[in-house]
Amino acid sequence: MPSGSRPSPPAPPVALVTGASSGIGRGLAVRLAREGWAVGLAARREVRLEEVAGDIRDYDGVASVHVCDVSDPEQVRSAVAECRLALGPLDLLVANAGVGLRAPPEDLDAEEVERIFRVNFFGAVHAVEAVLPEMLRRRSGHLVAVASLAGFGGLPGRAAYSASKAAMIAFFESLRLDLAPRGVAVTVANPGFVRTEMTEKDDRPRPFIIDADPAVDRIVRAILARRPSVSFPWQVASAATLARSLPRRAYDILAKRVPG
C-alpha cells in the first residue's frame, strides 16, 4: 500500500427485501439501510420502489430497485441476480411479500387459495432457492421470513391466509434446523395486526393493532440479534401460543373471538 494512503472502507452487507414497496417491507428496507446495509428492493410497483430508494439515498444510503412478482420463479431469480450484480453477494434475505384473503366457506375458490400460496408461501420459497446456494458456499447468511400469528392456527374466514402462513412458519423452522450447522441463520417473524395500507381498508375491530414502525423495530432487533423467532404484540402472541396447546373445543371458543 502506498505510504500515506488509507485502506478502503469495507463494503456494506447486502440485504434483499421482497414486498419492499409499502408497509412492513418498506419499513424494514429503510431501517436496514439506516443500520448500514445496502438494500435491494423487490416488489411489483416500480414507482413505489423508486420512492423508497429515493428515501434511502436521501441520507446517503445504498439501494437498488428490482421489479419482481414473487409468484414467478424466473422473475425472482432475475431480481436476485440483478441485486447481486448491483450491490454484491447477498448476506440477508427478508421474505416479506404477501397478500391477504378473507372468504366465507361458501365462497371457497381453489384458484384464489392457490394464488395466495403462490405469493405468500412459494414466493418465499423461490427467493430462498435463489439465494441459498451462495450462502451455503460462503457458510454465512441470514434468511428472514415475515410470517404471521395467523399461521399459529386456523382463523375464521382466513383459511387460505392462515394456511399459507402456517406453511411458511414450518418451512423456515425446518430450514433453521438444517442450516444452523452450516453457518446460515433463520429468523421467523410473526406479527399480529399491523396498521398498513391493507388493514386501513378494513374497518372491523383489530385487537391490539400496532403501527408499522414498532413492528419494524421488533423485527430489525431480531434480525440483528439473529434470533430464531419473534412474535408480537405480546398480548396476541401469548394467546396464540397458548391456543396451540388447547383442546380443540377450547381453541374454537378463542379463535371465534378473532374478527374474520
Protein backbone atom coordinates (compact mmCIF):
# COMPACT_ATOMS: atom_id res chain seq x y z
CA MET A 1 0.00 0.00 0.00
CA PRO A 2 1.47 3.41 -0.91
CA SER A 3 2.72 5.49 2.02
CA GLY A 4 0.04 7.73 3.48
CA SER A 5 -2.85 6.01 1.68
CA ARG A 6 -5.85 4.84 3.63
CA PRO A 7 -7.45 1.41 3.31
CA SER A 8 -10.79 1.37 1.53
CA PRO A 9 -13.76 1.05 3.89
CA PRO A 10 -15.32 -2.41 3.93
CA ALA A 11 -18.28 -2.96 1.63
CA PRO A 12 -21.62 -2.82 3.44
CA PRO A 13 -23.52 -6.06 3.97
CA VAL A 14 -26.23 -6.64 1.37
CA ALA A 15 -29.91 -7.33 2.07
CA LEU A 16 -32.76 -8.10 -0.34
CA VAL A 17 -36.27 -7.29 0.88
CA THR A 18 -39.30 -8.58 -1.02
CA GLY A 19 -42.57 -6.68 -0.81
CA ALA A 20 -40.49 -3.55 -0.18
CA SER A 21 -42.86 -1.04 -1.81
CA SER A 22 -45.08 -0.46 1.24
CA GLY A 23 -45.97 -1.46 4.78
CA ILE A 24 -43.63 -3.60 6.84
CA GLY A 25 -41.40 -4.34 3.84
CA ARG A 26 -40.81 -0.67 3.14
CA GLY A 27 -40.13 -0.01 6.80
CA LEU A 28 -37.66 -2.89 7.04
CA ALA A 29 -35.79 -1.75 3.93
CA VAL A 30 -35.41 1.82 5.20
CA ARG A 31 -34.41 0.70 8.70
CA LEU A 32 -31.84 -1.79 7.44
CA ALA A 33 -30.35 0.92 5.23
CA ARG A 34 -30.05 3.17 8.29
CA GLU A 35 -28.26 0.31 10.04
CA GLY A 36 -25.64 0.32 7.30
CA TRP A 37 -26.94 -2.29 4.88
CA ALA A 38 -27.02 -1.91 1.12
CA VAL A 39 -30.60 -2.86 0.32
CA GLY A 40 -32.14 -4.42 -2.77
CA LEU A 41 -35.82 -3.53 -3.07
CA ALA A 42 -38.09 -6.08 -4.77
CA ALA A 43 -41.81 -5.71 -5.48
CA ARG A 44 -44.20 -5.26 -8.40
CA ARG A 45 -44.75 -1.49 -8.19
CA GLU A 46 -41.73 0.23 -9.72
CA VAL A 47 -42.83 3.78 -8.92
CA ARG A 48 -43.27 2.94 -5.26
CA LEU A 49 -39.91 1.15 -5.16
CA GLU A 50 -38.19 4.19 -6.64
CA GLU A 51 -39.77 6.33 -3.91
CA VAL A 52 -38.38 4.01 -1.22
CA ALA A 53 -34.97 4.00 -2.90
CA GLY A 54 -35.07 7.81 -3.00
CA ASP A 55 -35.80 7.98 0.72
CA ILE A 56 -32.80 5.72 1.39
CA ARG A 57 -30.46 7.68 -0.88
CA ASP A 58 -31.53 10.99 0.69
CA TYR A 59 -29.38 10.14 3.71
CA ASP A 60 -26.59 8.54 1.65
CA GLY A 61 -27.92 5.01 1.96
CA VAL A 62 -27.42 2.47 -0.81
CA ALA A 63 -30.40 0.91 -2.59
CA SER A 64 -31.21 -0.85 -5.85
CA VAL A 65 -34.64 -1.42 -7.39
CA HIS A 66 -35.80 -4.75 -8.81
CA VAL A 67 -39.33 -5.04 -10.21
CA CYS A 68 -40.47 -8.54 -9.42
CA ASP A 69 -43.61 -10.65 -8.96
CA VAL A 70 -42.55 -13.21 -6.37
CA SER A 71 -45.10 -15.73 -7.64
CA ASP A 72 -42.98 -16.05 -10.80
CA PRO A 73 -39.78 -18.02 -10.04
CA GLU A 74 -37.96 -16.67 -13.09
CA GLN A 75 -38.61 -13.08 -12.03
CA VAL A 76 -37.33 -13.88 -8.54
CA ARG A 77 -34.15 -15.43 -9.91
CA SER A 78 -33.62 -12.39 -12.12
CA ALA A 79 -34.17 -9.99 -9.21
CA VAL A 80 -31.63 -11.84 -7.07
CA ALA A 81 -29.08 -11.88 -9.91
CA GLU A 82 -29.61 -8.16 -10.56
CA CYS A 83 -29.28 -7.34 -6.86
CA ARG A 84 -26.06 -9.34 -6.61
CA LEU A 85 -24.65 -7.55 -9.65
CA ALA A 86 -25.63 -4.12 -8.32
CA LEU A 87 -24.69 -4.49 -4.67
CA GLY A 88 -22.62 -7.65 -4.19
CA PRO A 89 -23.20 -11.08 -2.63
CA LEU A 90 -26.36 -11.28 -0.53
CA ASP A 91 -25.94 -11.57 3.22
CA LEU A 92 -29.60 -11.28 4.15
CA LEU A 93 -32.92 -12.20 2.55
CA VAL A 94 -36.14 -10.80 4.02
CA ALA A 95 -39.04 -12.74 2.50
CA ASN A 96 -41.82 -10.31 3.28
CA ALA A 97 -44.06 -10.16 0.19
CA GLY A 98 -47.59 -11.26 0.96
CA VAL A 99 -51.27 -10.77 0.25
CA GLY A 100 -54.38 -11.39 2.31
CA LEU A 101 -57.67 -13.09 1.58
CA ARG A 102 -60.91 -13.28 3.57
CA ALA A 103 -63.64 -15.56 2.31
CA PRO A 104 -66.54 -17.46 3.87
CA PRO A 105 -66.60 -21.19 3.14
CA GLU A 106 -69.44 -20.84 0.63
CA ASP A 107 -67.12 -18.66 -1.49
CA LEU A 108 -64.25 -21.13 -1.48
CA ASP A 109 -62.27 -20.78 -4.71
CA ALA A 110 -59.34 -23.14 -5.17
CA GLU A 111 -57.72 -20.80 -7.68
CA GLU A 112 -57.75 -17.97 -5.15
CA VAL A 113 -56.26 -20.26 -2.50
CA GLU A 114 -53.55 -21.24 -4.96
CA ARG A 115 -52.87 -17.55 -5.70
CA ILE A 116 -52.39 -16.82 -2.00
CA PHE A 117 -49.95 -19.71 -1.70
CA ARG A 118 -48.04 -18.66 -4.83
CA VAL A 119 -47.35 -15.26 -3.29
CA ASN A 120 -47.16 -15.88 0.46
CA PHE A 121 -45.51 -19.29 0.53
CA PHE A 122 -43.96 -20.12 -2.81
CA GLY A 123 -42.80 -16.53 -3.26
CA ALA A 124 -40.63 -17.05 -0.17
CA VAL A 125 -39.51 -20.48 -1.38
CA HIS A 126 -38.47 -19.07 -4.77
CA ALA A 127 -36.40 -16.38 -3.04
CA VAL A 128 -34.70 -18.87 -0.74
CA GLU A 129 -33.93 -21.15 -3.68
CA ALA A 130 -32.24 -18.24 -5.46
CA VAL A 131 -30.06 -17.03 -2.58
CA LEU A 132 -29.28 -20.16 -0.57
CA PRO A 133 -26.62 -21.88 -2.76
CA GLU A 134 -24.30 -18.89 -2.47
CA MET A 135 -24.88 -18.59 1.27
CA LEU A 136 -24.02 -22.25 1.71
CA ARG A 137 -20.85 -21.86 -0.33
CA ARG A 138 -19.80 -18.92 1.83
CA ARG A 139 -21.04 -20.63 5.01
CA SER A 140 -22.71 -17.39 6.05
CA GLY A 141 -26.00 -15.63 5.55
CA HIS A 142 -29.38 -14.99 7.10
CA LEU A 143 -32.89 -15.89 5.94
CA VAL A 144 -35.83 -13.98 7.44
CA ALA A 145 -39.48 -14.89 6.93
CA VAL A 146 -42.20 -12.36 7.73
CA ALA A 147 -44.99 -14.80 8.55
CA SER A 148 -47.91 -14.09 10.91
CA LEU A 149 -49.55 -15.10 14.15
CA ALA A 150 -52.39 -16.21 11.87
CA GLY A 151 -50.15 -19.15 11.00
CA PHE A 152 -50.36 -20.48 14.56
CA GLY A 153 -53.83 -21.88 13.85
CA GLY A 154 -56.83 -21.57 11.56
CA LEU A 155 -58.90 -18.40 11.91
CA PRO A 156 -62.48 -17.71 10.81
CA GLY A 157 -62.73 -16.55 7.22
CA ARG A 158 -58.98 -16.79 6.70
CA ALA A 159 -58.40 -20.41 5.72
CA ALA A 160 -56.08 -19.65 2.79
CA TYR A 161 -54.13 -16.91 4.53
CA SER A 162 -53.68 -18.85 7.78
CA ALA A 163 -52.66 -21.98 5.89
CA SER A 164 -50.10 -20.11 3.77
CA LYS A 165 -48.51 -18.54 6.84
CA ALA A 166 -48.52 -21.87 8.72
CA ALA A 167 -46.68 -23.42 5.77
CA MET A 168 -44.21 -20.55 5.83
CA ILE A 169 -43.51 -20.99 9.54
CA ALA A 170 -42.97 -24.73 9.25
CA PHE A 171 -40.79 -24.36 6.15
CA PHE A 172 -38.44 -21.82 7.70
CA GLU A 173 -38.32 -23.61 11.06
CA SER A 174 -37.19 -26.75 9.25
CA LEU A 175 -34.58 -24.76 7.33
CA ARG A 176 -33.31 -23.29 10.60
CA LEU A 177 -32.58 -26.79 11.92
CA ASP A 178 -30.89 -27.84 8.69
CA LEU A 179 -28.85 -24.68 8.17
CA ALA A 180 -27.63 -23.83 11.68
CA PRO A 181 -24.59 -26.13 11.45
CA ARG A 182 -23.74 -24.65 8.04
CA GLY A 183 -23.43 -21.00 9.06
CA VAL A 184 -26.80 -19.73 7.78
CA ALA A 185 -29.20 -18.25 10.34
CA VAL A 186 -33.00 -18.27 10.04
CA THR A 187 -35.46 -15.91 11.75
CA VAL A 188 -39.26 -16.21 11.59
CA ALA A 189 -41.20 -13.03 12.42
CA ASN A 190 -44.84 -13.47 13.44
CA PRO A 191 -46.64 -10.12 13.71
CA GLY A 192 -50.24 -9.78 14.72
CA PHE A 193 -52.39 -6.96 13.35
CA VAL A 194 -50.20 -4.14 11.98
CA ARG A 195 -51.54 -0.83 10.68
CA THR A 196 -50.66 -0.82 6.96
CA GLU A 197 -52.39 0.00 3.67
CA MET A 198 -54.04 -3.41 3.76
CA THR A 199 -55.54 -3.08 7.24
CA GLU A 200 -56.51 0.58 6.77
CA LYS A 201 -59.03 -0.53 4.15
CA ASP A 202 -60.79 -2.70 6.74
CA ASP A 203 -62.91 -1.01 9.39
CA ARG A 204 -63.55 -4.10 11.52
CA PRO A 205 -62.01 -4.43 15.00
CA ARG A 206 -58.34 -5.46 15.09
CA PRO A 207 -57.33 -6.45 18.63
CA PHE A 208 -54.08 -4.85 19.84
CA ILE A 209 -53.24 -3.47 16.40
CA ILE A 210 -49.88 -1.67 16.32
CA ASP A 211 -48.31 0.85 13.95
CA ALA A 212 -45.80 -0.28 11.35
CA ASP A 213 -42.81 1.45 12.99
CA PRO A 214 -42.94 -0.55 16.26
CA ALA A 215 -43.40 -3.74 14.23
CA VAL A 216 -40.35 -2.89 12.15
CA ASP A 217 -38.36 -2.13 15.33
CA ARG A 218 -39.11 -5.57 16.75
CA ILE A 219 -38.22 -7.39 13.54
CA VAL A 220 -34.97 -5.47 12.98
CA ARG A 221 -33.85 -6.14 16.56
CA ALA A 222 -34.49 -9.84 15.98
CA ILE A 223 -32.54 -9.74 12.71
CA LEU A 224 -29.53 -8.00 14.24
CA ALA A 225 -29.53 -10.46 17.15
CA ARG A 226 -30.04 -13.39 14.73
CA ARG A 227 -32.89 -14.64 16.89
CA PRO A 228 -34.75 -17.75 15.70
CA SER A 229 -38.14 -16.07 16.03
CA VAL A 230 -40.04 -13.02 17.19
CA SER A 231 -43.81 -12.81 17.79
CA PHE A 232 -45.77 -9.71 18.76
CA PRO A 233 -47.66 -7.94 20.20
CA TRP A 234 -47.26 -9.97 23.38
CA GLN A 235 -50.97 -9.99 24.19
CA VAL A 236 -51.88 -11.72 20.92
CA ALA A 237 -48.68 -13.76 20.72
CA SER A 238 -49.27 -15.21 24.20
CA ALA A 239 -52.85 -16.14 23.35
CA ALA A 240 -51.83 -17.64 20.00
CA THR A 241 -49.06 -19.68 21.62
CA LEU A 242 -51.40 -20.95 24.32
CA ALA A 243 -54.05 -21.78 21.74
CA ARG A 244 -51.70 -24.23 20.03
CA SER A 245 -51.83 -26.50 23.08
CA LEU A 246 -55.51 -26.12 23.94
CA PRO A 247 -58.10 -28.84 23.36
CA ARG A 248 -59.91 -28.14 20.09
CA ARG A 249 -63.16 -27.11 21.76
CA ALA A 250 -61.35 -24.51 23.84
CA TYR A 251 -59.41 -23.36 20.78
CA ASP A 252 -62.67 -22.91 18.84
CA ILE A 253 -64.02 -20.58 21.51
CA LEU A 254 -60.87 -18.49 21.49
CA ALA A 255 -60.44 -18.40 17.69
CA LYS A 256 -64.04 -17.31 17.09
CA ARG A 257 -63.31 -14.11 19.00
CA VAL A 258 -60.85 -13.02 16.30
CA PRO A 259 -62.58 -10.87 13.66
CA GLY A 260 -62.91 -12.76 10.37
